[in-house]
């Protein structure tokens, strides 16, 4: 009996295109593996594809390697002069931070991000919510301030306290960008454009990362940023983000139109239904967003409690010093009399 490979089977079993649909033979090259739509897309997604289809062929992979190298070099510089840098910060920055970005941009998931909306939503969650949180907890700006020479350190401080940074990192501005951007992407023709244009697709990935950093860095980050709100305000802002993910996820799940227009049907995949995949994508966005938001509330509460404990210890030390000075003064007065 002759064996038929999955791609050939997908081509022969693909339904005819409707009027106005993109012909697979003329569709652009997309996906991390560089599949052509003429091949009717990749074979059915399997978990092993995350490893087998990994590609280190885009600019983001280079950026991740350079960022990891610079961070490790900074930690090395601190150790050479006898300073301590918390191991947890290094693990957060390199692991779930940079590693999280790599897991959805250079792994096999990237090969399916223009084939399955659900895979794209996984990328969305990791790039805009999960990875930025751990990048912030890695405190790379603090590391740079402690290792850079005097002149570059002064320039970095000037940038941090500039008017532009103050505006973009102001919590309400960052929150508005974080909330509006997904609606502007998915409910306009912009999303279809990113599916057709490889460059635009990569820009969206970078945009997700920057948007997440703008929102989460002032909330949970350890770096010195201007205009940072007290913990009650941060917790309230995080709480307000929960309904946003619920509304967005439910809207995607209940939409009567396919995101990307006829892009996904035009791929002619026999192993994935675009409508079912869109429902799954909305569920990922809904459940994942609520999970991350609630978890972040817990992180903020823990940080708040630790900050209160540090402040209590500081006040206690100050009171002890005042009592010591008062006893010393009384002793001196008594000796003089």
Protein backbone atom coordinates (compact mmCIF):
# COMPACT_ATOMS: atom_id res chain seq x y z
CA UNK A 1 0.00 0.00 0.00
CA UNK A 2 1.31 3.43 -0.93
CA UNK A 3 1.88 5.91 1.87
CA UNK A 4 0.86 9.54 1.50
CA UNK A 5 2.61 12.29 3.45
CA UNK A 6 0.44 14.79 5.41
CA UNK A 7 1.20 17.74 3.16
CA UNK A 8 0.26 15.87 -0.04
CA UNK A 9 -2.91 14.66 1.63
CA UNK A 10 -3.79 18.23 2.65
CA UNK A 11 -3.33 19.42 -0.94
CA UNK A 12 -5.43 16.69 -2.53
CA UNK A 13 -8.18 16.94 0.10
CA UNK A 14 -8.36 20.73 0.18
CA UNK A 15 -11.79 22.11 -0.80
CA UNK A 16 -12.07 24.47 -3.78
CA UNK A 17 -11.63 28.14 -3.01
CA UNK A 18 -14.58 30.46 -3.02
CA UNK A 19 -14.65 33.65 -5.00
CA UNK A 20 -12.41 36.31 -3.58
CA UNK A 21 -10.30 33.86 -1.55
CA UNK A 22 -6.54 33.97 -1.76
CA UNK A 23 -5.10 31.27 -3.92
CA UNK A 24 -2.60 29.15 -1.97
CA UNK A 25 -0.23 29.28 -4.89
CA UNK A 26 -0.03 33.07 -4.67
CA UNK A 27 0.00 33.45 -0.89
CA UNK A 28 3.23 34.77 0.66
CA UNK A 29 5.74 32.69 2.53
CA UNK A 30 4.86 32.71 6.22
CA UNK A 31 5.56 30.81 9.39
CA UNK A 32 8.79 30.12 11.22
CA UNK A 33 9.53 27.09 9.03
CA UNK A 34 9.01 29.01 5.80
CA UNK A 35 6.16 26.85 4.51
CA UNK A 36 4.45 27.91 1.35
CA UNK A 37 0.71 28.17 1.25
CA UNK A 38 1.00 26.19 -2.00
CA UNK A 39 1.70 23.20 0.22
CA UNK A 40 -1.60 23.82 2.01
CA UNK A 41 0.21 24.77 5.18
CA UNK A 42 2.11 22.64 7.67
CA UNK A 43 1.15 19.12 8.74
CA UNK A 44 -1.12 18.69 11.78
CA UNK A 45 0.27 20.40 14.86
CA UNK A 46 1.91 18.09 17.40
CA UNK A 47 3.72 18.99 20.59
CA UNK A 48 6.98 17.62 19.16
CA UNK A 49 6.86 20.34 16.51
CA UNK A 50 7.82 22.86 19.21
CA UNK A 51 11.31 21.38 19.06
CA UNK A 52 11.56 19.87 15.58
CA UNK A 53 10.42 23.04 13.77
CA UNK A 54 12.50 25.49 15.83
CA UNK A 55 14.38 28.04 13.73
CA UNK A 56 16.99 30.63 14.73
CA UNK A 57 16.57 32.65 11.57
CA UNK A 58 15.02 35.95 12.63
CA UNK A 59 16.27 39.19 14.13
CA UNK A 60 14.47 38.60 17.42
CA UNK A 61 16.64 35.54 18.12
CA UNK A 62 19.74 37.73 17.77
CA UNK A 63 18.28 40.34 20.12
CA UNK A 64 17.52 37.67 22.73
CA UNK A 65 21.06 36.27 22.60
CA UNK A 66 22.61 39.75 22.88
CA UNK A 67 20.31 40.70 25.79
CA UNK A 68 21.18 37.51 27.67
CA UNK A 69 24.90 38.03 27.08
CA UNK A 70 24.80 41.65 28.30
CA UNK A 71 22.84 40.69 31.41
CA UNK A 72 25.25 37.88 32.31
CA UNK A 73 28.21 40.17 31.69
CA UNK A 74 26.75 42.70 34.12
CA UNK A 75 26.29 40.02 36.78
CA UNK A 76 29.88 38.89 36.17
CA UNK A 77 31.15 42.46 36.62
CA UNK A 78 29.38 42.75 39.96
CA UNK A 79 30.86 39.49 41.22
CA UNK A 80 34.37 40.50 40.16
CA UNK A 81 34.22 43.51 42.46
CA UNK A 82 32.66 41.53 45.30
CA UNK A 83 29.07 42.76 44.98
CA UNK A 84 26.09 40.43 45.27
CA UNK A 85 23.29 40.10 42.72
CA UNK A 86 20.24 37.99 43.67
CA UNK A 87 20.17 34.69 41.80
CA UNK A 88 16.38 34.88 41.55
CA UNK A 89 16.61 38.02 39.41
CA UNK A 90 18.96 36.31 36.96
CA UNK A 91 16.69 33.26 36.78
CA UNK A 92 13.59 35.41 36.20
CA UNK A 93 15.21 37.48 33.45
CA UNK A 94 16.84 34.63 31.54
CA UNK A 95 14.23 31.92 32.18
CA UNK A 96 10.59 32.97 31.92
CA UNK A 97 11.65 36.40 30.62
CA UNK A 98 13.92 35.97 27.60
CA UNK A 99 13.24 32.23 27.54
CA UNK A 100 9.51 32.84 27.43
CA UNK A 101 9.91 35.08 24.39
CA UNK A 102 12.10 32.49 22.68
CA UNK A 103 9.60 29.71 23.41
CA UNK A 104 6.97 31.31 21.18
CA UNK A 105 9.07 33.13 18.57
CA UNK A 106 11.93 30.82 17.62
CA UNK A 107 10.44 27.49 18.64
CA UNK A 108 8.13 25.38 16.49
CA UNK A 109 5.16 27.45 17.66
CA UNK A 110 6.40 30.20 15.38
CA UNK A 111 5.90 27.87 12.42
CA UNK A 112 2.15 27.73 13.13
CA UNK A 113 1.45 31.32 14.21
CA UNK A 114 -0.07 32.26 10.84
CA UNK A 115 -1.80 28.91 10.48
CA UNK A 116 -3.71 28.66 13.76
CA UNK A 117 -5.25 31.62 15.55
CA UNK A 118 -4.99 29.69 18.82
CA UNK A 119 -1.20 29.50 18.47
CA UNK A 120 -1.09 33.23 17.77
CA UNK A 121 -3.09 33.85 20.97
CA UNK A 122 -0.58 31.79 22.96
CA UNK A 123 2.12 34.04 21.53
CA UNK A 124 0.04 37.09 22.45
CA UNK A 125 -0.31 35.98 26.08
CA UNK A 126 3.37 35.11 26.52
CA UNK A 127 4.78 38.17 24.76
CA UNK A 128 2.46 40.78 26.28
CA UNK A 129 1.78 39.38 29.78
CA UNK A 130 4.05 36.58 30.97
CA UNK A 131 7.52 37.46 29.65
CA UNK A 132 7.35 41.21 30.50
CA UNK A 133 6.53 40.41 34.13
CA UNK A 134 9.66 38.32 34.57
CA UNK A 135 11.80 40.78 32.61
CA UNK A 136 10.69 43.44 35.09
CA UNK A 137 11.46 41.18 38.07
CA UNK A 138 14.95 40.69 36.63
CA UNK A 139 15.69 44.42 37.22
CA UNK A 140 17.98 44.91 34.20
CA UNK A 141 17.98 48.71 34.56
CA UNK A 142 19.22 48.45 38.15
CA UNK A 143 21.92 46.05 36.98
CA UNK A 144 22.98 48.52 34.29
CA UNK A 145 23.11 51.41 36.77
CA UNK A 146 25.38 49.38 39.05
CA UNK A 147 27.80 48.28 36.32
CA UNK A 148 27.97 51.07 33.73
CA UNK A 149 30.77 53.66 33.84
CA UNK A 150 29.94 57.12 35.19
CA UNK A 151 29.08 58.88 31.92
CA UNK A 152 26.78 56.17 30.46
CA UNK A 153 25.15 55.78 33.87
CA UNK A 154 24.33 59.50 33.99
CA UNK A 155 22.88 59.33 30.49
CA UNK A 156 20.69 56.37 31.44
CA UNK A 157 19.44 58.23 34.50
CA UNK A 158 18.68 61.26 32.35
CA UNK A 159 16.63 59.07 30.00
CA UNK A 160 14.74 57.46 32.89
CA UNK A 161 13.76 60.85 34.27
CA UNK A 162 13.00 62.45 30.92
CA UNK A 163 9.53 63.78 30.11
CA UNK A 164 8.99 61.17 27.38
CA UNK A 165 9.66 58.27 29.75
CA UNK A 166 7.50 59.88 32.44
CA UNK A 167 4.56 60.05 30.03
CA UNK A 168 4.90 56.56 28.56
CA UNK A 169 5.42 54.86 31.92
CA UNK A 170 2.60 56.74 33.66
CA UNK A 171 0.29 53.90 34.78
CA UNK A 172 -2.91 55.25 33.20
CA UNK A 173 -1.20 55.85 29.84
CA UNK A 174 0.36 52.38 29.86
CA UNK A 175 -2.98 50.86 30.88
CA UNK A 176 -4.81 52.58 28.01
CA UNK A 177 -2.26 51.33 25.48
CA UNK A 178 -2.42 47.82 26.95
CA UNK A 179 -6.23 47.72 26.68
CA UNK A 180 -6.79 49.45 23.34
CA UNK A 181 -4.08 47.77 21.26
CA UNK A 182 -5.64 44.26 21.01
CA UNK A 183 -8.97 45.70 19.87
CA UNK A 184 -7.19 47.88 17.29
CA UNK A 185 -5.31 44.83 16.00
CA UNK A 186 -7.98 42.13 15.88
CA UNK A 187 -11.05 44.16 14.93
CA UNK A 188 -9.53 46.01 11.98
CA UNK A 189 -7.85 44.99 8.73
CA UNK A 190 -4.49 45.32 10.47
CA UNK A 191 -4.53 41.71 11.64
CA UNK A 192 -5.06 40.43 8.08
CA UNK A 193 -2.15 42.61 6.95
CA UNK A 194 0.15 41.05 9.55
CA UNK A 195 -0.75 37.59 8.25
CA UNK A 196 0.18 38.54 4.70
CA UNK A 197 3.33 40.52 5.53
CA UNK A 198 6.20 38.78 7.33
CA UNK A 199 7.83 42.06 8.38
CA UNK A 200 4.58 43.39 9.88
CA UNK A 201 4.10 40.09 11.69
CA UNK A 202 7.51 40.41 13.37
CA UNK A 203 6.78 44.04 14.30
CA UNK A 204 3.59 42.91 16.06
CA UNK A 205 5.68 40.51 18.17
CA UNK A 206 7.97 43.34 19.23
CA UNK A 207 4.96 45.56 19.86
CA UNK A 208 3.41 42.97 22.19
CA UNK A 209 6.63 42.85 24.21
CA UNK A 210 6.97 46.63 24.49
CA UNK A 211 3.30 47.08 25.41
CA UNK A 212 3.58 44.47 28.15
CA UNK A 213 6.75 46.06 29.52
CA UNK A 214 5.14 49.51 29.60
CA UNK A 215 2.22 48.14 31.61
CA UNK A 216 3.91 45.71 34.02
CA UNK A 217 7.25 47.41 34.67
CA UNK A 218 5.78 50.27 36.77
CA UNK A 219 3.50 47.80 38.58
CA UNK A 220 5.82 44.98 39.66
CA UNK A 221 9.25 45.99 38.41
CA UNK A 222 12.15 46.56 40.79
CA UNK A 223 13.91 49.21 38.70
CA UNK A 224 13.81 52.91 39.65
CA UNK A 225 11.08 54.50 37.52
CA UNK A 226 9.60 57.99 37.88
CA UNK A 227 5.98 58.50 38.90
CA UNK A 228 5.45 55.02 40.32
CA UNK A 229 2.13 54.66 42.13
CA UNK A 230 1.83 53.34 45.70
CA UNK A 231 0.82 49.71 46.07
CA UNK A 232 -2.94 50.29 46.55
CA UNK A 233 -3.08 52.14 43.23
CA UNK A 234 -1.10 49.42 41.45
CA UNK A 235 -3.38 46.71 42.80
CA UNK A 236 -6.45 48.64 41.67
CA UNK A 237 -5.05 49.04 38.16
CA UNK A 238 -4.27 45.33 37.98
CA UNK A 239 -7.80 44.54 39.14
CA UNK A 240 -9.25 46.73 36.39
CA UNK A 241 -7.41 44.71 33.75
CA UNK A 242 -9.33 41.51 34.60
CA UNK A 243 -12.65 42.46 32.93
CA UNK A 244 -10.75 43.59 29.82
CA UNK A 245 -9.46 40.09 29.10
CA UNK A 246 -12.88 38.61 29.80
CA UNK A 247 -14.58 40.95 27.33
CA UNK A 248 -11.91 40.47 24.67
CA UNK A 249 -11.86 36.68 25.01
CA UNK A 250 -15.65 36.33 24.93
CA UNK A 251 -15.87 38.68 21.94
CA UNK A 252 -13.41 36.53 20.02
CA UNK A 253 -15.26 33.34 20.96
CA UNK A 254 -18.69 34.69 20.00
CA UNK A 255 -17.66 36.57 16.85
CA UNK A 256 -19.77 35.80 13.78
CA UNK A 257 -16.88 36.56 11.44
CA UNK A 258 -13.47 34.96 11.12
CA UNK A 259 -10.47 37.00 12.18
CA UNK A 260 -8.23 37.53 9.18
CA UNK A 261 -11.14 37.21 6.77
CA UNK A 262 -10.70 34.25 4.41
CA UNK A 263 -7.02 33.79 5.30
CA UNK A 264 -7.45 30.65 7.39
CA UNK A 265 -10.05 28.96 5.12
CA UNK A 266 -7.80 29.67 2.11
CA UNK A 267 -5.08 27.49 3.63
CA UNK A 268 -7.30 24.48 3.01
CA UNK A 269 -6.26 22.61 6.15
CA UNK A 270 -8.05 19.30 6.55
CA UNK A 271 -6.97 18.87 10.16
CA UNK A 272 -8.16 22.20 11.63
CA UNK A 273 -11.46 24.04 11.46
CA UNK A 274 -10.99 27.85 11.54
CA UNK A 275 -14.22 28.40 13.50
CA UNK A 276 -13.38 25.87 16.20
CA UNK A 277 -9.83 27.21 16.40
CA UNK A 278 -11.13 30.76 16.84
CA UNK A 279 -13.30 29.65 19.76
CA UNK A 280 -10.25 27.98 21.29
CA UNK A 281 -8.21 31.16 20.73
CA UNK A 282 -10.79 33.25 22.56
CA UNK A 283 -10.81 30.79 25.43
CA UNK A 284 -7.02 30.98 25.71
CA UNK A 285 -7.17 34.76 25.80
CA UNK A 286 -9.95 34.79 28.38
CA UNK A 287 -8.66 32.13 30.77
CA UNK A 288 -4.99 33.05 30.36
CA UNK A 289 -5.63 36.74 30.92
CA UNK A 290 -7.63 36.17 34.08
CA UNK A 291 -5.07 33.71 35.45
CA UNK A 292 -2.16 36.09 34.90
CA UNK A 293 -4.08 39.09 36.27
CA UNK A 294 -5.16 37.29 39.45
CA UNK A 295 -1.65 35.91 39.94
CA UNK A 296 -0.21 39.39 39.54
CA UNK A 297 -2.59 40.68 42.18
CA UNK A 298 -1.11 38.11 44.54
CA UNK A 299 2.43 39.19 43.61
CA UNK A 300 1.53 42.84 44.26
CA UNK A 301 0.06 41.98 47.65
CA UNK A 302 3.25 40.10 48.60
CA UNK A 303 5.41 43.02 47.46
CA UNK A 304 3.16 45.40 49.38
CA UNK A 305 3.52 43.36 52.60
CA UNK A 306 7.30 43.15 52.22
CA UNK A 307 7.53 46.90 51.60
CA UNK A 308 5.43 47.51 54.74
CA UNK A 309 7.74 45.23 56.75
CA UNK A 310 10.83 47.05 55.48
CA UNK A 311 9.26 50.40 56.35
CA UNK A 312 8.36 49.13 59.84
CA UNK A 313 11.93 47.96 60.40
CA UNK A 314 13.26 51.31 59.19
CA UNK A 315 10.96 53.17 61.59
CA UNK A 316 12.01 50.87 64.44
CA UNK A 317 15.69 51.53 63.72
CA UNK A 318 15.07 55.26 63.65
CA UNK A 319 13.20 55.12 66.96
CA UNK A 320 16.04 53.08 68.47
CA UNK A 321 18.55 55.69 67.34
CA UNK A 322 16.44 58.49 68.79
CA UNK A 323 16.16 56.67 72.14
CA UNK A 324 19.90 56.04 72.16
CA UNK A 325 20.61 59.72 71.49
CA UNK A 326 18.13 60.73 74.21
CA UNK A 327 19.76 58.38 76.77
CA UNK A 328 23.19 59.67 75.84
CA UNK A 329 22.02 63.24 76.29
CA UNK A 330 20.48 62.43 79.68
CA UNK A 331 23.66 60.68 80.77
CA UNK A 332 25.74 63.65 79.72
CA UNK A 333 23.41 66.05 81.54
CA UNK A 334 23.49 63.91 84.68
CA UNK A 335 27.29 63.74 84.67
CA UNK A 336 27.54 67.49 84.30
CA UNK A 337 25.31 68.12 87.32
